[in-house]
Protein backbone atom coordinates (compact mmCIF):
# COMPACT_ATOMS: atom_id res chain seq x y z
CA UNK A 1 -7.44 -44.22 -1.78
CA UNK A 2 -7.37 -44.40 2.16
CA UNK A 3 -9.29 -41.70 4.27
CA UNK A 4 -6.82 -39.72 6.42
CA UNK A 5 -7.22 -40.87 10.27
CA UNK A 6 -6.75 -38.02 12.89
CA UNK A 7 -3.62 -39.82 13.56
CA UNK A 8 -2.35 -39.35 10.20
CA UNK A 9 -3.08 -35.84 10.27
CA UNK A 10 -1.17 -35.45 13.83
CA UNK A 11 1.93 -37.38 12.27
CA UNK A 12 1.78 -34.93 9.15
CA UNK A 13 1.93 -32.00 11.39
CA UNK A 14 4.70 -33.37 13.32
CA UNK A 15 6.76 -34.12 10.31
CA UNK A 16 6.17 -30.81 8.88
CA UNK A 17 7.13 -29.16 12.03
CA UNK A 18 10.23 -31.24 12.46
CA UNK A 19 11.54 -30.50 9.04
CA UNK A 20 10.66 -26.49 9.48
CA UNK A 21 11.85 -25.76 13.01
CA UNK A 22 11.66 -21.97 11.93
CA UNK A 23 7.87 -22.06 11.63
CA UNK A 24 5.53 -21.68 14.22
CA UNK A 25 2.46 -24.06 14.48
CA UNK A 26 -1.00 -22.63 14.16
CA UNK A 27 -4.69 -24.30 14.61
CA UNK A 28 -7.23 -22.81 12.04
CA UNK A 29 -10.58 -23.65 13.92
CA UNK A 30 -13.47 -23.05 11.45
CA UNK A 31 -16.00 -21.01 13.77
CA UNK A 32 -19.23 -21.75 11.29
CA UNK A 33 -20.45 -24.38 13.63
CA UNK A 34 -19.56 -23.30 16.85
CA UNK A 35 -22.38 -22.84 19.45
CA UNK A 36 -22.40 -19.84 21.43
CA UNK A 37 -23.69 -21.62 24.37
CA UNK A 38 -21.52 -24.27 24.42
CA UNK A 39 -18.40 -24.24 26.61
CA UNK A 40 -16.22 -26.94 24.37
CA UNK A 41 -16.69 -27.76 20.74
CA UNK A 42 -15.21 -31.06 19.09
CA UNK A 43 -12.97 -30.30 16.44
CA UNK A 44 -11.65 -32.81 14.02
CA UNK A 45 -8.62 -32.02 11.65
CA UNK A 46 -9.33 -31.87 7.95
CA UNK A 47 -5.86 -30.42 6.43
CA UNK A 48 -2.35 -29.77 7.35
CA UNK A 49 0.00 -27.72 5.49
CA UNK A 50 2.69 -25.31 5.15
CA UNK A 51 1.64 -21.83 4.61
CA UNK A 52 1.63 -18.23 5.76
CA UNK A 53 -0.72 -16.61 8.25
CA UNK A 54 -1.63 -13.30 9.75
CA UNK A 55 -3.41 -12.66 12.91
CA UNK A 56 -5.42 -9.44 13.88
CA UNK A 57 -6.47 -10.62 17.18
CA UNK A 58 -9.93 -11.04 16.07
CA UNK A 59 -9.36 -13.09 13.03
CA UNK A 60 -6.68 -14.89 11.30
CA UNK A 61 -5.82 -14.91 7.37
CA UNK A 62 -3.84 -17.52 5.88
CA UNK A 63 -4.40 -16.12 2.20
CA UNK A 64 -2.48 -13.29 1.00
CA UNK A 65 -5.23 -11.56 -1.19
CA UNK A 66 -7.33 -11.53 1.96
CA UNK A 67 -4.70 -9.69 3.96
CA UNK A 68 -4.47 -7.28 0.98
CA UNK A 69 -8.22 -6.36 1.39
CA UNK A 70 -7.85 -6.44 5.10
CA UNK A 71 -5.13 -3.88 5.07
CA UNK A 72 -6.81 -1.89 2.17
CA UNK A 73 -10.14 -1.72 4.40
CA UNK A 74 -8.36 -0.68 7.71
CA UNK A 75 -6.40 2.27 5.88
CA UNK A 76 -9.05 3.07 3.29
CA UNK A 77 -9.33 6.77 4.81
CA UNK A 78 -5.38 7.11 4.41
CA UNK A 79 -3.87 7.75 1.00
CA UNK A 80 -2.98 3.88 0.71
CA UNK A 81 -2.88 1.89 -2.36
CA UNK A 82 -3.25 -1.72 -3.55
CA UNK A 83 0.48 -1.44 -3.90
CA UNK A 84 1.21 -0.53 -0.21
CA UNK A 85 -1.47 -2.85 1.17
CA UNK A 86 0.33 -5.95 -0.61
CA UNK A 87 3.90 -4.65 0.44
CA UNK A 88 2.58 -4.31 3.94
CA UNK A 89 0.75 -8.00 3.76
CA UNK A 90 3.78 -9.77 2.42
CA UNK A 91 5.49 -8.22 5.16
CA UNK A 92 2.83 -9.09 7.92
CA UNK A 93 2.35 -12.80 7.11
CA UNK A 94 4.41 -15.17 8.58
CA UNK A 95 5.37 -18.57 7.74
CA UNK A 96 3.64 -21.43 9.71
CA UNK A 97 2.40 -24.90 9.93
CA UNK A 98 -1.26 -24.62 9.51
CA UNK A 99 -3.76 -27.14 11.12
CA UNK A 100 -7.31 -26.70 9.94
CA UNK A 101 -10.14 -27.86 11.70
CA UNK A 102 -13.90 -27.86 11.71
CA UNK A 103 -16.52 -28.35 14.38
CA UNK A 104 -17.53 -32.34 14.49
C-alpha cells in the first residue's frame, strides 16, 4: 500500500470540503512536540476526516466522550448529571472537516 503524501492529504481535505459545504475546516495540531522557545513548528498532516468538534478557546475536542467529561467537570458544583452533560455536548459539537497534524 502506498504511503499518503502531504499532497494526497490536501486533496482528500479539498474533496471532503467540496462534498460537505456546510462543514467548516479545522486543523487539529498536536502540541505534544512543540517547543516553547520556537516561533514556528513544522507540522505534517497525518489524518483527514469528517467529524465533530468543540472548541473551549483553550483546547479542542473531537470525541463526544471527552466533551461530556469536560462538561461534567465544568459543572461539577451544579446539580448536573451525565445525561445533561451528554445533551449539552451533542448540542455543542459542530460538524467539520478535521485535518490532524503532528510536529515533524
